[in-house]
Amino acid sequence: QVQLVESGGGLVQAGGSLRLSCAASGRTLSTYAMGWFRQAPGKEREFVAAISWTGGSTYYADSVKGRFTISRNNVKNTKYLQMNSLKPEDAAIYYCAARGPKVGWVPKLESEYTYWGQGTQVTVSS
């Protein structure tokens, strides 16, 4: 059984930065594509970023492109989301997700992911 645990959320001022982490246990996820989603109050969960299992391909929602960076450390079985230039509209619960092993594409839909974390809250003050 795979467990994903997010951390790194918190309160930050607009323009600030946070780095979210997603640690996996129960199985090595070095061959899993990984994604980040977020859900703001009253809104549906939306795609934020994803990285292929090789780490060679990354995808971002237009709203975060140029500000967020997804990465992975397979030695630590952890992936990250570096968030810079945060805006109040980035405030949400952020979830990490995993799909594998060795899928031939980078999943960008919720339905394409198998494992999910419980989420970490990000609050951005204006």
Foldseek 3Di string as FASTA:
>chain_A
DKAWAKDFADEEAQQAKIKIKIAIPPDQQLQKKKFKWWDAPPGDIAGAKIAHSPRPDMDGDPVQPPFWDKGDDSVRSMIMIIGGNHDQVVWTWMKMFIADGNDPDIDGDPVRTDDIHPTDTHGYHD
